[in-house]
Each structure stands twice: as C-alpha cells, then as structure tokens.
Amino acid sequence: MHVPILSRRRLLPLALAIVIGGPGGAAAVGQVIIGAAPVAQADTTYRYLGTFSFPAAYGLKHRVYDWGCRGGTVPNLVFRWDCAGKGNLYLLGHASGVFNELLDAYHAGRLRVGKLAYYTRQGVTSAYKVAWVRLVRANYVWQGMTGDEWAWNATSRQAITLQTCAGSTSAYRLIVRLYKVA
C-alpha cells in the first residue's frame, strides 16, 4: 500500500498531524500532513497509558497518552498511535517539544543501535533496545518500501517505534525502532 503525503505546508516547527482517510474518504492508514499544533504541558482529556524514558536521549522521560487510530492535530504530548500494526507501540511526539531530546541525541550521535529505553505501564517497567534509526523524507519511503512496510508495520517481537519530525521545514521524519529485551 502506498502511503502518500497529502500536502506539505511551511508552518510552525511544532507542526504534525496524522490524517486517516484518503481522497474521496477512502481509508488509508498513515497519511501525514503538516499542520499547526497547540502546545500543552499535560492534558487530562487523554487517557494515560504509561511512561516512556530514554536515558541516551538526554534523560527524555514523558507520560504516554492514547491518541487512538484517528486523525487530527496532535498536541505537544507523547501519544501512542493505534494505527500501527500488532506488537508495534508507535509513539509520536513533536521534535521542538516533547521529543526535542530525541532529535538532539540523533544530531549529537548519541542515538545509536543498542541503547536502552524503558516503558512503564501499571507499575511494570520493560526494557527496549534500539534496533535501528532512520531519517527519511516525509513520504516515509525507505529503500523502496513505504511506511506501512517498515515503520508502522506489525512486528513479531514487542516493539516501540518512535516518530518525530526533522529538518528546518519538517520535511523529514526521524524513526527509531526498539525491541523488547527478553
């Protein structure tokens, strides 16, 4: 399935919106456009799921909220996006906000294979290890594969996938895949 970008507009660096539904209303999971996003410190409107922490990313630690499998403007919180396949806990966050430390760690060379991150849910903490880091254009095509084939695909092992924008005009996506440590 090809997952095109619907449009690119030059807006605020906080921009990120997930759009579900393609031309004519046909469902197409994972289409992405750029749109303005409000800044929020915390919001009790969203269901709290757990906490994600990544020491290698300058001590990044944020609460994770449920975004569901829907479109709309993503506030400046870390959200689980449920459109990803089974076994893939897909987390979205703004590069100039909640995932700023992630992007900074990438640019500083600290975001490498083998680094550990942690997800805590209902008092249970699980460790995850970075398997790969990819910086791709906003169309999510990597080595000829579309995003549904490698980014938000189902995984046979428990995984966390992180996504944030990159580049001065948010024309790129930083995608990080982590697998649960046995």
Protein backbone atom coordinates (compact mmCIF):
# COMPACT_ATOMS: atom_id res chain seq x y z
CA MET A 1 0.00 0.00 0.00
CA HIS A 2 1.43 3.39 -0.98
CA VAL A 3 1.07 5.99 1.76
CA PRO A 4 1.36 9.45 0.16
CA ILE A 5 1.73 12.79 1.85
CA LEU A 6 -1.45 14.74 1.26
CA SER A 7 0.17 18.17 1.38
CA ARG A 8 3.19 19.99 2.74
CA ARG A 9 2.85 23.49 4.10
CA ARG A 10 5.52 25.52 5.77
CA LEU A 11 4.16 26.27 9.24
CA LEU A 12 5.38 26.25 12.83
CA PRO A 13 8.11 23.76 13.77
CA LEU A 14 5.58 22.24 16.18
CA ALA A 15 3.64 21.00 13.19
CA LEU A 16 2.47 17.40 12.93
CA ALA A 17 -0.90 15.91 12.20
CA ILE A 18 -1.92 12.36 11.43
CA VAL A 19 -4.67 12.12 8.89
CA ILE A 20 -6.72 9.00 8.46
CA GLY A 21 -8.76 8.80 5.28
CA GLY A 22 -7.60 9.41 1.76
CA PRO A 23 -9.07 11.09 -1.27
CA GLY A 24 -12.82 10.59 -1.54
CA GLY A 25 -12.98 9.44 2.08
CA ALA A 26 -11.34 6.06 1.42
CA ALA A 27 -9.44 4.88 4.48
CA ALA A 28 -5.68 5.00 4.08
CA VAL A 29 -3.84 4.47 7.33
CA GLY A 30 -0.76 6.56 7.99
CA GLN A 31 -1.15 9.55 5.70
CA VAL A 32 0.64 12.53 7.13
CA ILE A 33 0.27 16.24 6.62
CA ILE A 34 1.88 19.16 8.35
CA GLY A 35 -0.41 21.36 10.43
CA ALA A 36 -0.16 23.69 13.41
CA ALA A 37 -0.29 22.04 16.81
CA PRO A 38 -1.13 23.71 20.11
CA VAL A 39 1.36 23.47 22.96
CA ALA A 40 0.18 21.59 26.03
CA GLN A 41 2.07 20.57 29.18
CA ALA A 42 -0.39 17.90 30.27
CA ASP A 43 -3.96 17.11 29.43
CA THR A 44 -6.35 15.01 31.45
CA THR A 45 -8.58 14.79 28.36
CA TYR A 46 -6.38 11.98 27.03
CA ARG A 47 -6.16 8.53 28.61
CA TYR A 48 -2.81 7.97 30.32
CA LEU A 49 -1.14 4.70 29.29
CA GLY A 50 2.33 4.69 30.83
CA THR A 51 5.69 6.42 30.86
CA PHE A 52 8.45 6.25 28.25
CA SER A 53 12.01 7.07 29.23
CA PHE A 54 15.18 7.13 27.14
CA PRO A 55 18.35 7.94 29.12
CA ALA A 56 20.54 8.17 25.97
CA ALA A 57 18.27 10.97 24.71
CA TYR A 58 19.44 13.37 27.41
CA GLY A 59 17.20 11.78 30.00
CA LEU A 60 13.97 12.05 27.98
CA LYS A 61 11.04 10.93 30.14
CA HIS A 62 7.39 11.58 29.31
CA ARG A 63 3.96 10.25 30.06
CA VAL A 64 2.32 8.46 27.11
CA TYR A 65 -1.29 9.12 26.19
CA ASP A 66 -3.70 7.32 23.87
CA TRP A 67 -4.35 9.04 20.53
CA GLY A 68 -6.26 6.09 19.10
CA CYS A 69 -6.35 5.44 15.37
CA ARG A 70 -7.70 8.79 14.32
CA GLY A 71 -6.72 11.96 12.57
CA GLY A 72 -6.46 15.47 13.86
CA THR A 73 -3.84 17.75 15.28
CA VAL A 74 -1.52 16.12 17.77
CA PRO A 75 -0.87 18.31 20.85
CA ASN A 76 2.62 18.58 22.36
CA LEU A 77 2.40 15.34 24.33
CA VAL A 78 3.73 11.83 23.61
CA PHE A 79 0.97 9.77 22.04
CA ARG A 80 0.52 6.11 21.15
CA TRP A 81 -0.87 5.92 17.62
CA ASP A 82 -3.06 2.80 17.34
CA CYS A 83 -2.97 2.63 13.54
CA ALA A 84 0.34 0.77 13.78
CA GLY A 85 0.32 -2.99 13.42
CA LYS A 86 0.11 -5.55 16.21
CA GLY A 87 3.08 -5.63 18.55
CA ASN A 88 4.27 -2.16 17.50
CA LEU A 89 3.77 0.51 20.18
CA TYR A 90 4.04 3.55 17.90
CA LEU A 91 4.84 6.77 19.76
CA LEU A 92 4.52 10.25 18.24
CA GLY A 93 5.95 13.49 19.60
CA HIS A 94 6.98 16.94 18.43
CA ALA A 95 10.67 17.50 17.69
CA SER A 96 10.52 21.03 19.04
CA GLY A 97 8.61 19.83 22.10
CA VAL A 98 8.34 16.51 23.90
CA PHE A 99 10.77 14.70 21.55
CA ASN A 100 13.30 17.54 21.36
CA GLU A 101 15.80 15.46 23.35
CA LEU A 102 15.39 12.60 20.86
CA LEU A 103 16.24 14.81 17.88
CA ASP A 104 19.13 16.43 19.78
CA ALA A 105 20.52 12.98 20.66
CA TYR A 106 20.33 11.99 16.98
CA HIS A 107 22.27 15.10 15.89
CA ALA A 108 24.84 14.57 18.68
CA GLY A 109 25.41 10.93 17.62
CA ARG A 110 24.07 9.56 20.92
CA LEU A 111 21.06 7.81 19.34
CA ARG A 112 22.65 4.50 18.35
CA VAL A 113 21.82 0.82 17.99
CA GLY A 114 21.98 -0.95 21.34
CA LYS A 115 20.93 1.99 23.52
CA LEU A 116 18.27 1.15 26.11
CA ALA A 117 14.92 2.80 26.73
CA TYR A 118 12.14 1.93 29.16
CA TYR A 119 8.37 1.78 29.11
CA THR A 120 6.47 1.60 32.40
CA ARG A 121 2.83 0.61 32.47
CA GLN A 122 0.79 -0.24 35.56
CA GLY A 123 3.94 -0.34 37.70
CA VAL A 124 5.79 -2.78 35.42
CA THR A 125 8.89 -1.50 33.61
CA SER A 126 10.12 -3.18 30.43
CA ALA A 127 13.45 -2.51 28.75
CA TYR A 128 13.75 -1.94 25.00
CA LYS A 129 16.90 -1.80 22.89
CA VAL A 130 17.38 0.36 19.78
CA ALA A 131 17.47 -1.88 16.68
CA TRP A 132 17.70 0.87 14.06
CA VAL A 133 17.48 4.60 13.48
CA ARG A 134 16.32 6.04 10.15
CA LEU A 135 15.97 9.58 8.88
CA VAL A 136 13.65 9.58 5.86
CA ARG A 137 11.74 12.09 3.78
CA ALA A 138 8.22 12.83 4.98
CA ASN A 139 6.80 10.34 2.43
CA TYR A 140 8.23 7.51 4.60
CA VAL A 141 9.80 5.69 1.65
CA TRP A 142 12.91 3.81 2.76
CA GLN A 143 14.83 1.63 0.30
CA GLY A 144 11.72 1.38 -1.90
CA MET A 145 9.40 0.35 0.95
CA THR A 146 6.51 2.51 2.15
CA GLY A 147 5.93 3.29 5.82
CA ASP A 148 3.38 0.55 6.34
CA GLU A 149 6.06 -1.98 5.34
CA TRP A 150 8.76 -0.85 7.77
CA ALA A 151 7.66 1.93 10.18
CA TRP A 152 4.12 1.27 11.39
CA ASN A 153 4.07 -2.38 10.33
CA ALA A 154 3.07 -5.25 12.64
CA THR A 155 6.00 -6.85 14.45
CA SER A 156 6.51 -10.43 15.61
CA ARG A 157 8.50 -9.15 18.63
CA GLN A 158 7.23 -6.49 21.03
CA ALA A 159 8.49 -3.19 19.66
CA ILE A 160 8.34 0.51 20.28
CA THR A 161 8.67 2.81 17.30
CA LEU A 162 9.34 6.50 17.86
CA GLN A 163 8.49 9.17 15.29
CA THR A 164 9.25 12.86 15.21
CA CYS A 165 9.78 15.49 12.52
CA ALA A 166 13.22 16.68 11.45
CA GLY A 167 14.63 19.42 9.24
CA SER A 168 14.01 23.16 9.24
CA THR A 169 10.75 22.70 7.33
CA SER A 170 9.83 19.32 8.88
CA ALA A 171 10.45 17.64 5.53
CA TYR A 172 11.96 14.56 7.21
CA ARG A 173 10.93 12.01 9.82
CA LEU A 174 13.22 10.51 12.40
CA ILE A 175 12.04 6.96 13.05
CA VAL A 176 13.59 4.81 15.79
CA ARG A 177 12.72 1.12 16.29
CA LEU A 178 13.33 -0.54 19.64
CA TYR A 179 12.69 -4.19 20.53
CA LYS A 180 11.83 -5.52 23.96
CA VAL A 181 14.78 -7.06 25.77
CA ALA A 182 13.99 -10.63 26.79
